[in-house]
N, C-alpha and C. Protein backbone atom coordinates (compact mmCIF):
# COMPACT_ATOMS: atom_id res chain seq x y z
N MET A 1 -21.42 3.16 -32.24
CA MET A 1 -20.16 2.96 -31.55
C MET A 1 -19.94 1.46 -31.36
N ALA A 2 -18.85 0.95 -31.92
CA ALA A 2 -18.49 -0.45 -31.76
C ALA A 2 -17.75 -0.62 -30.44
N VAL A 3 -18.25 -1.51 -29.60
CA VAL A 3 -17.68 -1.71 -28.27
C VAL A 3 -16.91 -3.02 -28.26
N HIS A 4 -15.70 -2.98 -27.67
CA HIS A 4 -14.85 -4.16 -27.58
C HIS A 4 -14.44 -4.40 -26.13
N ILE A 5 -14.19 -5.65 -25.82
CA ILE A 5 -13.64 -6.04 -24.52
C ILE A 5 -12.21 -6.46 -24.81
N ARG A 6 -11.25 -5.75 -24.23
CA ARG A 6 -9.85 -6.02 -24.54
C ARG A 6 -8.95 -5.72 -23.36
N LEU A 7 -7.65 -5.99 -23.53
CA LEU A 7 -6.68 -5.75 -22.49
C LEU A 7 -6.12 -4.34 -22.59
N ALA A 8 -5.92 -3.70 -21.43
CA ALA A 8 -5.25 -2.41 -21.36
C ALA A 8 -4.03 -2.60 -20.47
N ARG A 9 -2.84 -2.32 -21.00
CA ARG A 9 -1.61 -2.59 -20.27
C ARG A 9 -1.40 -1.57 -19.16
N ALA A 10 -0.94 -2.09 -18.03
CA ALA A 10 -0.54 -1.26 -16.90
C ALA A 10 0.72 -1.91 -16.33
N GLY A 11 1.20 -1.45 -15.21
CA GLY A 11 2.39 -2.05 -14.61
C GLY A 11 3.65 -1.33 -15.03
N ALA A 12 4.78 -1.88 -14.63
CA ALA A 12 6.07 -1.27 -14.88
C ALA A 12 6.78 -1.95 -16.05
N LYS A 13 7.94 -1.42 -16.38
CA LYS A 13 8.75 -1.99 -17.43
C LYS A 13 9.15 -3.41 -17.04
N LYS A 14 9.00 -4.35 -17.93
CA LYS A 14 9.31 -5.77 -17.72
C LYS A 14 8.41 -6.46 -16.70
N LYS A 15 7.39 -5.77 -16.18
CA LYS A 15 6.44 -6.37 -15.24
C LYS A 15 5.03 -6.00 -15.68
N PRO A 16 4.55 -6.62 -16.76
CA PRO A 16 3.23 -6.24 -17.29
C PRO A 16 2.09 -6.67 -16.38
N PHE A 17 1.05 -5.89 -16.42
CA PHE A 17 -0.19 -6.16 -15.71
C PHE A 17 -1.28 -5.60 -16.60
N TYR A 18 -2.36 -6.35 -16.78
CA TYR A 18 -3.40 -5.91 -17.71
C TYR A 18 -4.74 -5.78 -17.00
N ARG A 19 -5.48 -4.77 -17.39
CA ARG A 19 -6.87 -4.63 -16.96
C ARG A 19 -7.74 -5.07 -18.13
N ILE A 20 -8.81 -5.79 -17.85
CA ILE A 20 -9.77 -6.15 -18.89
C ILE A 20 -10.80 -5.04 -18.91
N VAL A 21 -10.87 -4.32 -20.02
CA VAL A 21 -11.72 -3.14 -20.10
C VAL A 21 -12.70 -3.24 -21.26
N VAL A 22 -13.81 -2.54 -21.09
CA VAL A 22 -14.79 -2.39 -22.16
C VAL A 22 -14.55 -1.00 -22.73
N THR A 23 -14.31 -0.93 -24.03
CA THR A 23 -13.91 0.34 -24.63
C THR A 23 -14.47 0.48 -26.04
N ASP A 24 -14.49 1.72 -26.51
CA ASP A 24 -14.83 1.98 -27.90
C ASP A 24 -13.69 1.44 -28.76
N GLN A 25 -14.02 0.86 -29.88
CA GLN A 25 -13.03 0.24 -30.76
C GLN A 25 -11.96 1.24 -31.20
N ARG A 26 -12.33 2.50 -31.33
CA ARG A 26 -11.40 3.51 -31.85
C ARG A 26 -10.43 4.04 -30.80
N SER A 27 -10.66 3.75 -29.53
CA SER A 27 -9.78 4.23 -28.46
C SER A 27 -8.44 3.49 -28.49
N PRO A 28 -7.33 4.18 -28.14
CA PRO A 28 -6.04 3.50 -28.10
C PRO A 28 -5.98 2.50 -26.94
N ARG A 29 -4.99 1.64 -26.98
CA ARG A 29 -4.85 0.55 -26.00
C ARG A 29 -4.89 1.05 -24.56
N GLY A 30 -4.21 2.11 -24.26
CA GLY A 30 -4.16 2.62 -22.89
C GLY A 30 -5.06 3.82 -22.68
N GLY A 31 -5.97 4.07 -23.60
CA GLY A 31 -6.81 5.27 -23.54
C GLY A 31 -8.07 5.10 -22.73
N ARG A 32 -9.07 5.90 -23.08
CA ARG A 32 -10.34 5.88 -22.36
C ARG A 32 -11.02 4.53 -22.45
N PHE A 33 -11.76 4.21 -21.40
CA PHE A 33 -12.55 2.99 -21.42
C PHE A 33 -13.87 3.25 -20.73
N LEU A 34 -14.86 2.41 -21.02
CA LEU A 34 -16.19 2.57 -20.44
C LEU A 34 -16.27 1.93 -19.06
N GLU A 35 -15.66 0.76 -18.92
CA GLU A 35 -15.72 0.05 -17.64
C GLU A 35 -14.56 -0.92 -17.51
N ASN A 36 -14.04 -1.05 -16.30
CA ASN A 36 -13.00 -2.01 -15.98
C ASN A 36 -13.70 -3.24 -15.40
N ILE A 37 -13.60 -4.40 -16.07
CA ILE A 37 -14.34 -5.58 -15.60
C ILE A 37 -13.46 -6.71 -15.10
N GLY A 38 -12.14 -6.54 -15.11
CA GLY A 38 -11.28 -7.60 -14.60
C GLY A 38 -9.81 -7.27 -14.71
N THR A 39 -8.97 -8.25 -14.33
CA THR A 39 -7.52 -8.09 -14.37
C THR A 39 -6.86 -9.37 -14.86
N PHE A 40 -5.62 -9.22 -15.33
CA PHE A 40 -4.82 -10.37 -15.76
C PHE A 40 -3.35 -10.05 -15.51
N ASP A 41 -2.68 -10.94 -14.78
CA ASP A 41 -1.25 -10.80 -14.51
C ASP A 41 -0.54 -12.00 -15.14
N PRO A 42 0.15 -11.82 -16.27
CA PRO A 42 0.76 -12.95 -16.95
C PRO A 42 1.95 -13.56 -16.20
N LEU A 43 2.49 -12.85 -15.21
CA LEU A 43 3.63 -13.36 -14.48
C LEU A 43 3.24 -14.30 -13.34
N ARG A 44 1.98 -14.32 -12.98
CA ARG A 44 1.49 -15.20 -11.91
C ARG A 44 0.51 -16.21 -12.49
N GLU A 45 0.66 -17.44 -12.11
CA GLU A 45 -0.22 -18.51 -12.59
C GLU A 45 -1.63 -18.34 -12.03
N GLY A 46 -2.63 -18.40 -12.89
CA GLY A 46 -4.02 -18.34 -12.44
C GLY A 46 -4.45 -16.99 -11.91
N SER A 47 -3.90 -15.93 -12.45
CA SER A 47 -4.23 -14.60 -11.93
C SER A 47 -5.19 -13.85 -12.85
N PHE A 48 -6.09 -14.56 -13.49
CA PHE A 48 -7.08 -13.95 -14.37
C PHE A 48 -8.39 -13.84 -13.59
N THR A 49 -8.88 -12.62 -13.39
CA THR A 49 -10.16 -12.41 -12.71
C THR A 49 -11.05 -11.56 -13.60
N ILE A 50 -12.34 -11.88 -13.60
CA ILE A 50 -13.28 -11.11 -14.41
C ILE A 50 -14.65 -11.15 -13.73
N ASP A 51 -15.37 -10.06 -13.82
CA ASP A 51 -16.72 -9.98 -13.27
C ASP A 51 -17.66 -10.61 -14.31
N ALA A 52 -18.11 -11.83 -14.04
CA ALA A 52 -18.90 -12.59 -15.01
C ALA A 52 -20.23 -11.91 -15.34
N ALA A 53 -20.84 -11.27 -14.35
CA ALA A 53 -22.12 -10.60 -14.58
C ALA A 53 -21.95 -9.43 -15.55
N ARG A 54 -20.90 -8.64 -15.36
CA ARG A 54 -20.66 -7.49 -16.25
C ARG A 54 -20.23 -7.96 -17.64
N LEU A 55 -19.47 -9.06 -17.70
CA LEU A 55 -19.09 -9.63 -18.99
C LEU A 55 -20.33 -10.05 -19.76
N ALA A 56 -21.24 -10.74 -19.10
CA ALA A 56 -22.48 -11.18 -19.74
C ALA A 56 -23.31 -9.99 -20.19
N TYR A 57 -23.36 -8.94 -19.37
CA TYR A 57 -24.11 -7.74 -19.73
C TYR A 57 -23.55 -7.11 -21.00
N TRP A 58 -22.24 -6.90 -21.04
CA TRP A 58 -21.63 -6.24 -22.19
C TRP A 58 -21.72 -7.11 -23.44
N GLN A 59 -21.56 -8.41 -23.30
CA GLN A 59 -21.71 -9.27 -24.47
C GLN A 59 -23.16 -9.28 -24.95
N GLY A 60 -24.09 -9.13 -24.03
CA GLY A 60 -25.51 -9.04 -24.39
C GLY A 60 -25.84 -7.78 -25.15
N THR A 61 -25.07 -6.71 -24.91
CA THR A 61 -25.30 -5.46 -25.62
C THR A 61 -24.56 -5.42 -26.96
N GLY A 62 -23.79 -6.48 -27.26
CA GLY A 62 -23.13 -6.55 -28.56
C GLY A 62 -21.63 -6.34 -28.53
N ALA A 63 -21.02 -6.24 -27.36
CA ALA A 63 -19.57 -6.05 -27.27
C ALA A 63 -18.86 -7.33 -27.71
N GLN A 64 -17.80 -7.17 -28.48
CA GLN A 64 -17.01 -8.29 -28.97
C GLN A 64 -15.71 -8.37 -28.18
N ALA A 65 -15.38 -9.55 -27.68
CA ALA A 65 -14.12 -9.75 -26.96
C ALA A 65 -12.99 -9.89 -27.97
N SER A 66 -11.81 -9.35 -27.61
CA SER A 66 -10.65 -9.52 -28.48
C SER A 66 -10.26 -11.00 -28.46
N ASP A 67 -9.41 -11.40 -29.39
CA ASP A 67 -8.99 -12.80 -29.47
C ASP A 67 -8.32 -13.25 -28.17
N THR A 68 -7.47 -12.40 -27.61
CA THR A 68 -6.75 -12.74 -26.38
C THR A 68 -7.70 -12.89 -25.21
N VAL A 69 -8.62 -11.96 -25.05
CA VAL A 69 -9.58 -12.02 -23.94
C VAL A 69 -10.49 -13.24 -24.11
N ALA A 70 -10.92 -13.51 -25.32
CA ALA A 70 -11.77 -14.68 -25.57
C ALA A 70 -11.03 -15.96 -25.21
N HIS A 71 -9.75 -16.03 -25.54
CA HIS A 71 -8.94 -17.20 -25.21
C HIS A 71 -8.80 -17.35 -23.69
N LEU A 72 -8.56 -16.25 -22.98
CA LEU A 72 -8.44 -16.30 -21.52
C LEU A 72 -9.74 -16.76 -20.87
N ILE A 73 -10.86 -16.25 -21.36
CA ILE A 73 -12.17 -16.64 -20.82
C ILE A 73 -12.41 -18.13 -21.04
N LYS A 74 -12.09 -18.60 -22.25
CA LYS A 74 -12.30 -20.01 -22.58
C LYS A 74 -11.41 -20.91 -21.72
N ALA A 75 -10.14 -20.53 -21.54
CA ALA A 75 -9.21 -21.33 -20.73
C ALA A 75 -9.64 -21.36 -19.27
N THR A 76 -10.12 -20.25 -18.75
CA THR A 76 -10.58 -20.19 -17.36
C THR A 76 -11.82 -21.04 -17.17
N ALA A 77 -12.73 -20.99 -18.12
CA ALA A 77 -13.94 -21.81 -18.04
C ALA A 77 -13.59 -23.29 -18.09
N LYS A 78 -12.61 -23.64 -18.92
CA LYS A 78 -12.18 -25.03 -19.03
C LYS A 78 -11.58 -25.52 -17.71
N LYS A 79 -10.76 -24.67 -17.06
CA LYS A 79 -10.16 -25.04 -15.77
C LYS A 79 -11.23 -25.18 -14.69
N ALA A 80 -12.21 -24.30 -14.70
CA ALA A 80 -13.29 -24.36 -13.70
C ALA A 80 -14.12 -25.62 -13.89
N LEU A 81 -14.34 -26.00 -15.14
CA LEU A 81 -15.10 -27.21 -15.43
C LEU A 81 -14.34 -28.46 -14.98
N ALA A 82 -13.02 -28.47 -15.21
CA ALA A 82 -12.19 -29.60 -14.80
C ALA A 82 -12.13 -29.70 -13.27
N ALA A 83 -12.09 -28.57 -12.59
CA ALA A 83 -12.04 -28.56 -11.13
C ALA A 83 -13.36 -29.03 -10.52
N ALA A 84 -14.45 -28.80 -11.22
CA ALA A 84 -15.77 -29.20 -10.72
C ALA A 84 -15.97 -30.71 -10.80
N LYS A 85 -15.24 -31.37 -11.68
CA LYS A 85 -15.41 -32.82 -11.85
C LYS A 85 -14.69 -33.60 -10.80
């Protein structure tokens, strides 16, 4: 079973909200998932949250992040690094 970390859309029409989920690659976008590890609200600045411990666990087991999730993780890490300086 190939496991992916990707976005699952929720929210209302014209007001998207995404959950960051760990899911089987074959599952549809809004279908079954193994675990919910974070959220992302594109309408609010800085509203990306993720459980870093669970992300590390799933990546350690071989889960691949989608391009969008990988970009969000990288951007958040970059902002955290800049804030620490």
